[in-house]
Amino acid sequence: MLEWKGEKCSWDTFKSGDYVIVDYSDKYTEQPVSYYQSGETFKMEYGNGKQKDYGVIGEAMMPYSLDYPYADSVYVTVMVPEEEYITQTENQSAMYATIDAKKGEDKQVKEYIDKNVLKENDMINVFSVLDMKASFRRFVSKYYMIGSFLVVILAFIGIMNFFNTTATSVISRKKELALLEVVGMTKKQISKMLVAEGFLYLGGAFMIAVLLVVVGAKQILINTLGTAFFFRLHLTIVPCVLMIPILVGIAYVIPKYQFEKMSRESVVERIRKE
């Protein structure tokens, strides 16, 4: 489960007790820097005064979910085999232990620990994948809440602007549309023309929205959520697509309604009005 930088070492060589695995600094940056590299010698000083020189057999780090959750801002993690650690320190107590539960059995394992282990010793801190998922959900929930609030407001403003643009386009051309009727266009033809213009507005709005998502939203997400090392960017135009049926309805209904309302006046009256 280690996340290696460079070539992996074999388990048999590592457990011989003559080698250590050292992690690398700035783990979550694009270009991590190594404290110790493979082939170098590492001098281990144990708490009981014992010292031993080990060969660095590889550079690797524990996955975030398995790493020790407490550390100084600058530190080096050195991994030695269990048998070697017990031999040098004579300490068989674990400060931190992990359980690799099978997929789908996280809940059962946690319930077992709560009912058995914690019942005997409630001083033990237990942190499970379920806790991490709950913590992550709390983290992203605020972004969902803020994002949803902004989406509702912007969607309402966008719909109203599209509604007003479509309606105003018909009303402001009252005299022009009347002249088209004079020269021979039927009301049905004019209505189709206005609907087609509405669809052109819609197509332009959709293309601009997609462009803003791909260019603008991507940069905003990278500069905000993207600063978290676990963030993975996945852009989608689904929200834009979901708005299409509403806007198609507006682009179709509003021009027809406004033109029919306008047509209640005679052509002469519409031409005379400024």
C-alpha atoms as a PDB file:
ATOM      1  CA  MET A   1       0.000   0.000   0.000  1.00  0.00           C
ATOM      2  CA  LEU A   2       3.024   2.314   0.123  1.00  0.00           C
ATOM      3  CA  GLU A   3       3.172   5.129  -2.418  1.00  0.00           C
ATOM      4  CA  TRP A   4       6.610   4.785  -3.944  1.00  0.00           C
ATOM      5  CA  LYS A   5       8.937   7.344  -5.443  1.00  0.00           C
ATOM      6  CA  GLY A   6      11.143   5.446  -7.814  1.00  0.00           C
ATOM      7  CA  GLU A   7      11.757   1.716  -7.725  1.00  0.00           C
ATOM      8  CA  LYS A   8      10.029  -0.522  -5.174  1.00  0.00           C
ATOM      9  CA  CYS A   9      12.004  -2.829  -2.908  1.00  0.00           C
ATOM     10  CA  SER A  10      11.144  -6.436  -2.104  1.00  0.00           C
ATOM     11  CA  TRP A  11       9.533  -7.355   1.203  1.00  0.00           C
ATOM     12  CA  ASP A  12      12.102 -10.100   1.873  1.00  0.00           C
ATOM     13  CA  THR A  13      15.007  -7.669   1.560  1.00  0.00           C
ATOM     14  CA  PHE A  14      13.302  -5.078   3.758  1.00  0.00           C
ATOM     15  CA  LYS A  15      12.419  -7.474   6.597  1.00  0.00           C
ATOM     16  CA  SER A  16      16.052  -8.631   6.867  1.00  0.00           C
ATOM     17  CA  GLY A  17      16.525  -5.800   9.367  1.00  0.00           C
ATOM     18  CA  ASP A  18      19.435  -4.094   7.591  1.00  0.00           C
ATOM     19  CA  TYR A  19      17.404  -1.575   5.636  1.00  0.00           C
ATOM     20  CA  VAL A  20      14.878   1.213   6.147  1.00  0.00           C
ATOM     21  CA  ILE A  21      12.367   2.957   3.916  1.00  0.00           C
ATOM     22  CA  VAL A  22      12.327   6.759   4.146  1.00  0.00           C
ATOM     23  CA  ASP A  23       9.543   9.065   3.011  1.00  0.00           C
ATOM     24  CA  TYR A  24      10.023  12.252   1.033  1.00  0.00           C
ATOM     25  CA  SER A  25       9.243  15.832   2.010  1.00  0.00           C
ATOM     26  CA  ASP A  26       6.558  18.042   0.500  1.00  0.00           C
ATOM     27  CA  LYS A  27       4.616  14.892  -0.246  1.00  0.00           C
ATOM     28  CA  TYR A  28       1.694  16.587  -1.932  1.00  0.00           C
ATOM     29  CA  THR A  29       3.579  19.047  -4.121  1.00  0.00           C
ATOM     30  CA  GLU A  30       4.236  18.542  -7.818  1.00  0.00           C
ATOM     31  CA  GLN A  31       7.991  18.098  -7.269  1.00  0.00           C
ATOM     32  CA  PRO A  32       8.624  16.491  -3.863  1.00  0.00           C
ATOM     33  CA  VAL A  33      12.137  16.745  -2.426  1.00  0.00           C
ATOM     34  CA  SER A  34      13.840  13.735  -0.832  1.00  0.00           C
ATOM     35  CA  TYR A  35      15.595  13.877   2.552  1.00  0.00           C
ATOM     36  CA  TYR A  36      17.362  10.575   1.918  1.00  0.00           C
ATOM     37  CA  GLN A  37      17.740   8.727  -1.353  1.00  0.00           C
ATOM     38  CA  SER A  38      18.034   5.040  -2.113  1.00  0.00           C
ATOM     39  CA  GLY A  39      21.555   3.726  -1.487  1.00  0.00           C
ATOM     40  CA  GLU A  40      22.429   6.223   1.235  1.00  0.00           C
ATOM     41  CA  THR A  41      23.102   5.311   4.872  1.00  0.00           C
ATOM     42  CA  PHE A  42      20.714   6.295   7.632  1.00  0.00           C
ATOM     43  CA  LYS A  43      21.843   6.332  11.259  1.00  0.00           C
ATOM     44  CA  MET A  44      18.965   5.429  13.533  1.00  0.00           C
ATOM     45  CA  GLU A  45      19.038   6.599  17.147  1.00  0.00           C
ATOM     46  CA  TYR A  46      16.495   4.760  19.271  1.00  0.00           C
ATOM     47  CA  GLY A  47      15.051   6.220  22.442  1.00  0.00           C
ATOM     48  CA  ASN A  48      16.851   3.689  24.656  1.00  0.00           C
ATOM     49  CA  GLY A  49      20.281   4.882  23.497  1.00  0.00           C
ATOM     50  CA  LYS A  50      20.895   2.197  20.886  1.00  0.00           C
ATOM     51  CA  GLN A  51      22.171   3.237  17.473  1.00  0.00           C
ATOM     52  CA  LYS A  52      22.389   1.395  14.198  1.00  0.00           C
ATOM     53  CA  ASP A  53      23.280   2.216  10.615  1.00  0.00           C
ATOM     54  CA  TYR A  54      20.771   1.133   7.985  1.00  0.00           C
ATOM     55  CA  GLY A  55      20.849   1.267   4.236  1.00  0.00           C
ATOM     56  CA  VAL A  56      18.069   3.292   2.610  1.00  0.00           C
ATOM     57  CA  ILE A  57      16.428   0.729   0.340  1.00  0.00           C
ATOM     58  CA  GLY A  58      13.708   2.960  -1.054  1.00  0.00           C
ATOM     59  CA  GLU A  59      11.597   6.112  -0.765  1.00  0.00           C
ATOM     60  CA  ALA A  60       7.918   5.685  -0.036  1.00  0.00           C
ATOM     61  CA  MET A  61       5.135   7.157   2.011  1.00  0.00           C
ATOM     62  CA  MET A  62       2.096   5.768   3.713  1.00  0.00           C
ATOM     63  CA  PRO A  63      -1.268   6.545   2.080  1.00  0.00           C
ATOM     64  CA  TYR A  64      -2.964   9.538   3.694  1.00  0.00           C
ATOM     65  CA  SER A  65      -5.642   7.329   5.253  1.00  0.00           C
ATOM     66  CA  LEU A  66      -3.013   5.124   6.951  1.00  0.00           C
ATOM     67  CA  ASP A  67      -0.403   7.722   7.882  1.00  0.00           C
ATOM     68  CA  TYR A  68       0.146   8.713  11.506  1.00  0.00           C
ATOM     69  CA  PRO A  69      -2.199  11.684  12.029  1.00  0.00           C
ATOM     70  CA  TYR A  70       0.065  13.726  14.334  1.00  0.00           C
ATOM     71  CA  ALA A  71       3.444  15.193  13.396  1.00  0.00           C
ATOM     72  CA  ASP A  72       5.588  18.312  13.454  1.00  0.00           C
ATOM     73  CA  SER A  73       5.544  20.665  10.492  1.00  0.00           C
ATOM     74  CA  VAL A  74       8.957  19.323   9.418  1.00  0.00           C
ATOM     75  CA  TYR A  75       9.589  15.630   9.997  1.00  0.00           C
ATOM     76  CA  VAL A  76      10.945  12.473   8.399  1.00  0.00           C
ATOM     77  CA  THR A  77       9.141   9.145   8.581  1.00  0.00           C
ATOM     78  CA  VAL A  78      11.487   6.145   8.723  1.00  0.00           C
ATOM     79  CA  MET A  79      10.003   2.667   8.372  1.00  0.00           C
ATOM     80  CA  VAL A  80      11.683  -0.404   9.874  1.00  0.00           C
ATOM     81  CA  PRO A  81      10.340  -3.983  10.047  1.00  0.00           C
ATOM     82  CA  GLU A  82       8.320  -4.889  13.112  1.00  0.00           C
ATOM     83  CA  GLU A  83      10.783  -7.556  14.295  1.00  0.00           C
ATOM     84  CA  GLU A  84      13.735  -5.149  13.998  1.00  0.00           C
ATOM     85  CA  TYR A  85      11.903  -2.455  15.961  1.00  0.00           C
ATOM     86  CA  ILE A  86      11.026  -4.871  18.781  1.00  0.00           C
ATOM     87  CA  THR A  87      14.601  -6.209  18.863  1.00  0.00           C
ATOM     88  CA  GLN A  88      16.159  -2.779  19.164  1.00  0.00           C
ATOM     89  CA  THR A  89      13.649  -1.184  21.548  1.00  0.00           C
ATOM     90  CA  GLU A  90      12.248  -4.215  23.405  1.00  0.00           C
ATOM     91  CA  ASN A  91       8.929  -2.433  23.114  1.00  0.00           C
ATOM     92  CA  GLN A  92       6.041  -4.505  21.819  1.00  0.00           C
ATOM     93  CA  SER A  93       3.352  -1.878  22.377  1.00  0.00           C
ATOM     94  CA  ALA A  94       1.927  -0.224  19.305  1.00  0.00           C
ATOM     95  CA  MET A  95       1.346   3.529  19.350  1.00  0.00           C
ATOM     96  CA  TYR A  96      -0.666   3.368  16.166  1.00  0.00           C
ATOM     97  CA  ALA A  97      -2.288   0.347  14.522  1.00  0.00           C
ATOM     98  CA  THR A  98      -4.355  -0.012  11.367  1.00  0.00           C
ATOM     99  CA  ILE A  99      -6.951  -2.547  10.308  1.00  0.00           C
ATOM    100  CA  ASP A 100      -7.338  -3.368   6.627  1.00  0.00           C
ATOM    101  CA  ALA A 101     -11.038  -4.222   6.440  1.00  0.00           C
ATOM    102  CA  LYS A 102     -12.513  -5.918   3.408  1.00  0.00           C
ATOM    103  CA  LYS A 103     -14.587  -3.773   1.093  1.00  0.00           C
ATOM    104  CA  GLY A 104     -18.075  -3.251   2.487  1.00  0.00           C
ATOM    105  CA  GLU A 105     -17.190  -4.436   6.002  1.00  0.00           C
ATOM    106  CA  ASP A 106     -16.015  -1.116   7.449  1.00  0.00           C
ATOM    107  CA  LYS A 107     -19.181  -0.676   9.473  1.00  0.00           C
ATOM    108  CA  GLN A 108     -19.059  -4.184  10.991  1.00  0.00           C
ATOM    109  CA  VAL A 109     -15.395  -3.778  11.990  1.00  0.00           C
ATOM    110  CA  LYS A 110     -16.080  -0.421  13.642  1.00  0.00           C
ATOM    111  CA  GLU A 111     -19.038  -1.863  15.551  1.00  0.00           C
ATOM    112  CA  TYR A 112     -16.850  -4.746  16.763  1.00  0.00           C
ATOM    113  CA  ILE A 113     -14.160  -2.316  17.989  1.00  0.00           C
ATOM    114  CA  ASP A 114     -16.740  -0.123  19.739  1.00  0.00           C
ATOM    115  CA  LYS A 115     -18.339  -3.089  21.531  1.00  0.00           C
ATOM    116  CA  ASN A 116     -15.156  -4.978  22.465  1.00  0.00           C
ATOM    117  CA  VAL A 117     -11.939  -2.941  22.374  1.00  0.00           C
ATOM    118  CA  LEU A 118     -13.301   0.430  23.510  1.00  0.00           C
ATOM    119  CA  LYS A 119     -15.419  -1.250  26.166  1.00  0.00           C
ATOM    120  CA  GLU A 120     -12.227  -2.415  27.896  1.00  0.00           C
ATOM    121  CA  ASN A 121     -10.152   0.701  27.226  1.00  0.00           C
ATOM    122  CA  ASP A 122     -11.979   3.895  26.306  1.00  0.00           C
ATOM    123  CA  MET A 123      -8.681   5.846  26.196  1.00  0.00           C
ATOM    124  CA  ILE A 124      -7.928   4.429  22.735  1.00  0.00           C
ATOM    125  CA  ASN A 125      -8.667   6.797  19.868  1.00  0.00           C
ATOM    126  CA  VAL A 126     -10.363   5.082  16.948  1.00  0.00           C
ATOM    127  CA  PHE A 127     -10.518   6.777  13.567  1.00  0.00           C
ATOM    128  CA  SER A 128     -12.053   4.862  10.696  1.00  0.00           C
ATOM    129  CA  VAL A 129     -12.698   5.315   6.997  1.00  0.00           C
ATOM    130  CA  LEU A 130     -16.306   6.030   7.960  1.00  0.00           C
ATOM    131  CA  ASP A 131     -15.116   8.952  10.095  1.00  0.00           C
ATOM    132  CA  MET A 132     -13.017  10.247   7.210  1.00  0.00           C
ATOM    133  CA  LYS A 133     -15.971  10.051   4.843  1.00  0.00           C
ATOM    134  CA  ALA A 134     -18.186  11.891   7.344  1.00  0.00           C
ATOM    135  CA  SER A 135     -15.502  14.550   7.786  1.00  0.00           C
ATOM    136  CA  PHE A 136     -15.177  14.923   4.012  1.00  0.00           C
ATOM    137  CA  ARG A 137     -18.949  15.224   3.617  1.00  0.00           C
ATOM    138  CA  ARG A 138     -18.972  18.039   6.185  1.00  0.00           C
ATOM    139  CA  PHE A 139     -16.128  19.699   4.302  1.00  0.00           C
ATOM    140  CA  VAL A 140     -17.846  19.637   0.912  1.00  0.00           C
ATOM    141  CA  SER A 141     -21.354  20.315   2.263  1.00  0.00           C
ATOM    142  CA  LYS A 142     -20.570  23.996   2.774  1.00  0.00           C
ATOM    143  CA  TYR A 143     -19.483  24.258  -0.854  1.00  0.00           C
ATOM    144  CA  TYR A 144     -22.664  22.497  -1.953  1.00  0.00           C
ATOM    145  CA  MET A 145     -24.732  24.915   0.141  1.00  0.00           C
ATOM    146  CA  ILE A 146     -22.970  28.048  -1.136  1.00  0.00           C
ATOM    147  CA  GLY A 147     -22.852  26.713  -4.687  1.00  0.00           C
ATOM    148  CA  SER A 148     -26.532  25.740  -4.702  1.00  0.00           C
ATOM    149  CA  PHE A 149     -27.521  29.158  -3.363  1.00  0.00           C
ATOM    150  CA  LEU A 150     -25.531  30.888  -6.108  1.00  0.00           C
ATOM    151  CA  VAL A 151     -26.896  28.547  -8.782  1.00  0.00           C
ATOM    152  CA  VAL A 152     -30.508  29.283  -7.798  1.00  0.00           C
ATOM    153  CA  ILE A 153     -29.930  33.051  -7.855  1.00  0.00           C
ATOM    154  CA  LEU A 154     -27.980  33.035 -11.116  1.00  0.00           C
ATOM    155  CA  ALA A 155     -30.448  30.655 -12.757  1.00  0.00           C
ATOM    156  CA  PHE A 156     -33.359  32.931 -11.788  1.00  0.00           C
ATOM    157  CA  ILE A 157     -31.521  36.018 -13.070  1.00  0.00           C
ATOM    158  CA  GLY A 158     -30.552  34.217 -16.275  1.00  0.00           C
ATOM    159  CA  ILE A 159     -34.081  32.994 -16.952  1.00  0.00           C
ATOM    160  CA  MET A 160     -35.584  36.437 -16.309  1.00  0.00           C
ATOM    161  CA  ASN A 161     -32.986  38.129 -18.531  1.00  0.00           C
ATOM    162  CA  PHE A 162     -33.642  35.654 -21.322  1.00  0.00           C
ATOM    163  CA  PHE A 163     -37.402  36.167 -20.861  1.00  0.00           C
ATOM    164  CA  ASN A 164     -37.035  39.963 -21.016  1.00  0.00           C
ATOM    165  CA  THR A 165     -34.658  39.843 -23.981  1.00  0.00           C
ATOM    166  CA  THR A 166     -37.029  37.634 -25.966  1.00  0.00           C
ATOM    167  CA  ALA A 167     -40.113  39.699 -25.086  1.00  0.00           C
ATOM    168  CA  THR A 168     -38.388  43.052 -25.693  1.00  0.00           C
ATOM    169  CA  SER A 169     -37.121  41.865 -29.080  1.00  0.00           C
ATOM    170  CA  VAL A 170     -40.710  41.381 -30.232  1.00  0.00           C
ATOM    171  CA  ILE A 171     -42.240  44.474 -28.621  1.00  0.00           C
ATOM    172  CA  SER A 172     -39.530  46.876 -29.829  1.00  0.00           C
ATOM    173  CA  ARG A 173     -40.049  45.711 -33.426  1.00  0.00           C
ATOM    174  CA  LYS A 174     -43.777  46.260 -33.531  1.00  0.00           C
ATOM    175  CA  LYS A 175     -43.631  48.629 -36.528  1.00  0.00           C
ATOM    176  CA  GLU A 176     -41.076  46.461 -38.366  1.00  0.00           C
ATOM    177  CA  LEU A 177     -43.221  43.334 -37.968  1.00  0.00           C
ATOM    178  CA  ALA A 178     -46.293  45.215 -39.152  1.00  0.00           C
ATOM    179  CA  LEU A 179     -44.439  46.291 -42.309  1.00  0.00           C
ATOM    180  CA  LEU A 180     -43.470  42.657 -42.940  1.00  0.00           C
ATOM    181  CA  GLU A 181     -47.157  41.776 -42.867  1.00  0.00           C
ATOM    182  CA  VAL A 182     -47.879  44.582 -45.305  1.00  0.00           C
ATOM    183  CA  VAL A 183     -45.366  43.274 -47.825  1.00  0.00           C
ATOM    184  CA  GLY A 184     -46.920  39.804 -47.727  1.00  0.00           C
ATOM    185  CA  MET A 185     -45.598  37.756 -44.813  1.00  0.00           C
ATOM    186  CA  THR A 186     -48.252  35.793 -42.957  1.00  0.00           C
ATOM    187  CA  LYS A 187     -48.626  35.838 -39.191  1.00  0.00           C
ATOM    188  CA  LYS A 188     -47.537  32.204 -39.107  1.00  0.00           C
ATOM    189  CA  GLN A 189     -44.327  32.998 -40.983  1.00  0.00           C
ATOM    190  CA  ILE A 190     -43.527  35.927 -38.706  1.00  0.00           C
ATOM    191  CA  SER A 191     -44.225  33.798 -35.643  1.00  0.00           C
ATOM    192  CA  LYS A 192     -41.826  31.112 -36.912  1.00  0.00           C
ATOM    193  CA  MET A 193     -39.198  33.757 -37.617  1.00  0.00           C
ATOM    194  CA  LEU A 194     -39.447  35.133 -34.070  1.00  0.00           C
ATOM    195  CA  VAL A 195     -39.229  31.632 -32.578  1.00  0.00           C
ATOM    196  CA  ALA A 196     -36.170  30.904 -34.739  1.00  0.00           C
ATOM    197  CA  GLU A 197     -34.538  34.118 -33.486  1.00  0.00           C
ATOM    198  CA  GLY A 198     -35.268  33.020 -29.913  1.00  0.00           C
ATOM    199  CA  PHE A 199     -33.535  29.707 -30.571  1.00  0.00           C
ATOM    200  CA  LEU A 200     -30.543  31.597 -31.994  1.00  0.00           C
ATOM    201  CA  TYR A 201     -30.352  33.625 -28.753  1.00  0.00           C
ATOM    202  CA  LEU A 202     -30.546  30.355 -26.835  1.00  0.00           C
ATOM    203  CA  GLY A 203     -27.780  28.738 -28.889  1.00  0.00           C
ATOM    204  CA  GLY A 204     -25.504  31.726 -28.358  1.00  0.00           C
ATOM    205  CA  ALA A 205     -26.227  31.778 -24.623  1.00  0.00           C
ATOM    206  CA  PHE A 206     -25.478  28.040 -24.354  1.00  0.00           C
ATOM    207  CA  MET A 207     -22.140  28.376 -26.169  1.00  0.00           C
ATOM    208  CA  ILE A 208     -21.094  31.287 -23.928  1.00  0.00           C
ATOM    209  CA  ALA A 209     -22.142  29.354 -20.797  1.00  0.00           C
ATOM    210  CA  VAL A 210     -20.120  26.287 -21.828  1.00  0.00           C
ATOM    211  CA  LEU A 211     -17.116  28.490 -22.605  1.00  0.00           C
ATOM    212  CA  LEU A 212     -17.342  30.142 -19.183  1.00  0.00           C
ATOM    213  CA  VAL A 213     -17.557  26.734 -17.482  1.00  0.00           C
ATOM    214  CA  VAL A 214     -14.556  25.317 -19.328  1.00  0.00           C
ATOM    215  CA  VAL A 215     -12.385  28.440 -18.968  1.00  0.00           C
ATOM    216  CA  GLY A 216     -13.662  30.503 -16.033  1.00  0.00           C
ATOM    217  CA  ALA A 217     -15.044  27.861 -13.666  1.00  0.00           C
ATOM    218  CA  LYS A 218     -11.987  25.641 -14.107  1.00  0.00           C
ATOM    219  CA  GLN A 219      -9.622  28.404 -13.007  1.00  0.00           C
ATOM    220  CA  ILE A 220     -11.845  29.382 -10.068  1.00  0.00           C
ATOM    221  CA  LEU A 221     -12.013  25.785  -8.833  1.00  0.00           C
ATOM    222  CA  ILE A 222      -8.259  25.304  -9.163  1.00  0.00           C
ATOM    223  CA  ASN A 223      -7.593  28.455  -7.111  1.00  0.00           C
ATOM    224  CA  THR A 224     -10.092  27.529  -4.365  1.00  0.00           C
ATOM    225  CA  LEU A 225     -10.900  23.850  -3.863  1.00  0.00           C
ATOM    226  CA  GLY A 226      -7.909  22.865  -5.954  1.00  0.00           C
ATOM    227  CA  THR A 227      -5.549  23.887  -3.145  1.00  0.00           C
ATOM    228  CA  ALA A 228      -6.590  20.725  -1.225  1.00  0.00           C
ATOM    229  CA  PHE A 229      -4.301  17.817  -2.100  1.00  0.00           C
ATOM    230  CA  PHE A 230      -7.221  15.386  -2.378  1.00  0.00           C
ATOM    231  CA  PHE A 231      -9.109  17.532  -4.870  1.00  0.00           C
ATOM    232  CA  ARG A 232      -9.752  16.039  -8.301  1.00  0.00           C
ATOM    233  CA  LEU A 233     -11.182  18.285 -11.012  1.00  0.00           C
ATOM    234  CA  HIS A 234     -14.070  16.987 -13.108  1.00  0.00           C
ATOM    235  CA  LEU A 235     -15.815  19.620 -15.217  1.00  0.00           C
ATOM    236  CA  THR A 236     -19.345  19.028 -16.449  1.00  0.00           C
ATOM    237  CA  ILE A 237     -21.821  20.951 -18.601  1.00  0.00           C
ATOM    238  CA  VAL A 238     -24.794  19.010 -17.220  1.00  0.00           C
ATOM    239  CA  PRO A 239     -26.220  22.100 -15.394  1.00  0.00           C
ATOM    240  CA  CYS A 240     -26.142  24.012 -18.695  1.00  0.00           C
ATOM    241  CA  VAL A 241     -27.881  21.131 -20.470  1.00  0.00           C
ATOM    242  CA  LEU A 242     -30.547  20.904 -17.733  1.00  0.00           C
ATOM    243  CA  MET A 243     -31.425  24.572 -18.314  1.00  0.00           C
ATOM    244  CA  ILE A 244     -32.054  24.014 -22.028  1.00  0.00           C
ATOM    245  CA  PRO A 245     -35.666  22.685 -21.717  1.00  0.00           C
ATOM    246  CA  ILE A 246     -36.688  25.728 -19.646  1.00  0.00           C
ATOM    247  CA  LEU A 247     -35.048  28.174 -22.042  1.00  0.00           C
ATOM    248  CA  VAL A 248     -36.402  26.335 -25.096  1.00  0.00           C
ATOM    249  CA  GLY A 249     -39.891  26.730 -23.627  1.00  0.00           C
ATOM    250  CA  ILE A 250     -39.319  30.463 -23.124  1.00  0.00           C
ATOM    251  CA  ALA A 251     -37.799  30.877 -26.610  1.00  0.00           C
ATOM    252  CA  TYR A 252     -40.825  29.163 -28.130  1.00  0.00           C
ATOM    253  CA  VAL A 253     -43.745  30.469 -26.032  1.00  0.00           C
ATOM    254  CA  ILE A 254     -42.826  34.119 -25.380  1.00  0.00           C
ATOM    255  CA  PRO A 255     -42.335  35.284 -29.018  1.00  0.00           C
ATOM    256  CA  LYS A 256     -45.571  33.574 -30.089  1.00  0.00           C
ATOM    257  CA  TYR A 257     -47.480  34.996 -27.127  1.00  0.00           C
ATOM    258  CA  GLN A 258     -46.142  38.556 -27.596  1.00  0.00           C
ATOM    259  CA  PHE A 259     -46.787  38.519 -31.325  1.00  0.00           C
ATOM    260  CA  GLU A 260     -50.320  37.168 -30.893  1.00  0.00           C
ATOM    261  CA  LYS A 261     -50.989  39.867 -28.292  1.00  0.00           C
ATOM    262  CA  MET A 262     -49.544  42.495 -30.628  1.00  0.00           C
ATOM    263  CA  SER A 263     -51.600  41.201 -33.546  1.00  0.00           C
ATOM    264  CA  ARG A 264     -54.830  42.131 -31.774  1.00  0.00           C
ATOM    265  CA  GLU A 265     -54.179  45.635 -33.076  1.00  0.00           C
ATOM    266  CA  SER A 266     -54.583  46.267 -36.776  1.00  0.00           C
ATOM    267  CA  VAL A 267     -51.567  46.628 -39.046  1.00  0.00           C
ATOM    268  CA  VAL A 268     -52.393  50.305 -39.625  1.00  0.00           C
ATOM    269  CA  GLU A 269     -52.471  51.045 -35.871  1.00  0.00           C
ATOM    270  CA  ARG A 270     -49.120  49.326 -35.354  1.00  0.00           C
ATOM    271  CA  ILE A 271     -47.499  51.246 -38.224  1.00  0.00           C
ATOM    272  CA  ARG A 272     -48.786  54.585 -36.959  1.00  0.00           C
ATOM    273  CA  LYS A 273     -47.439  54.048 -33.392  1.00  0.00           C
ATOM    274  CA  GLU A 274     -43.864  55.035 -32.699  1.00  0.00           C
END
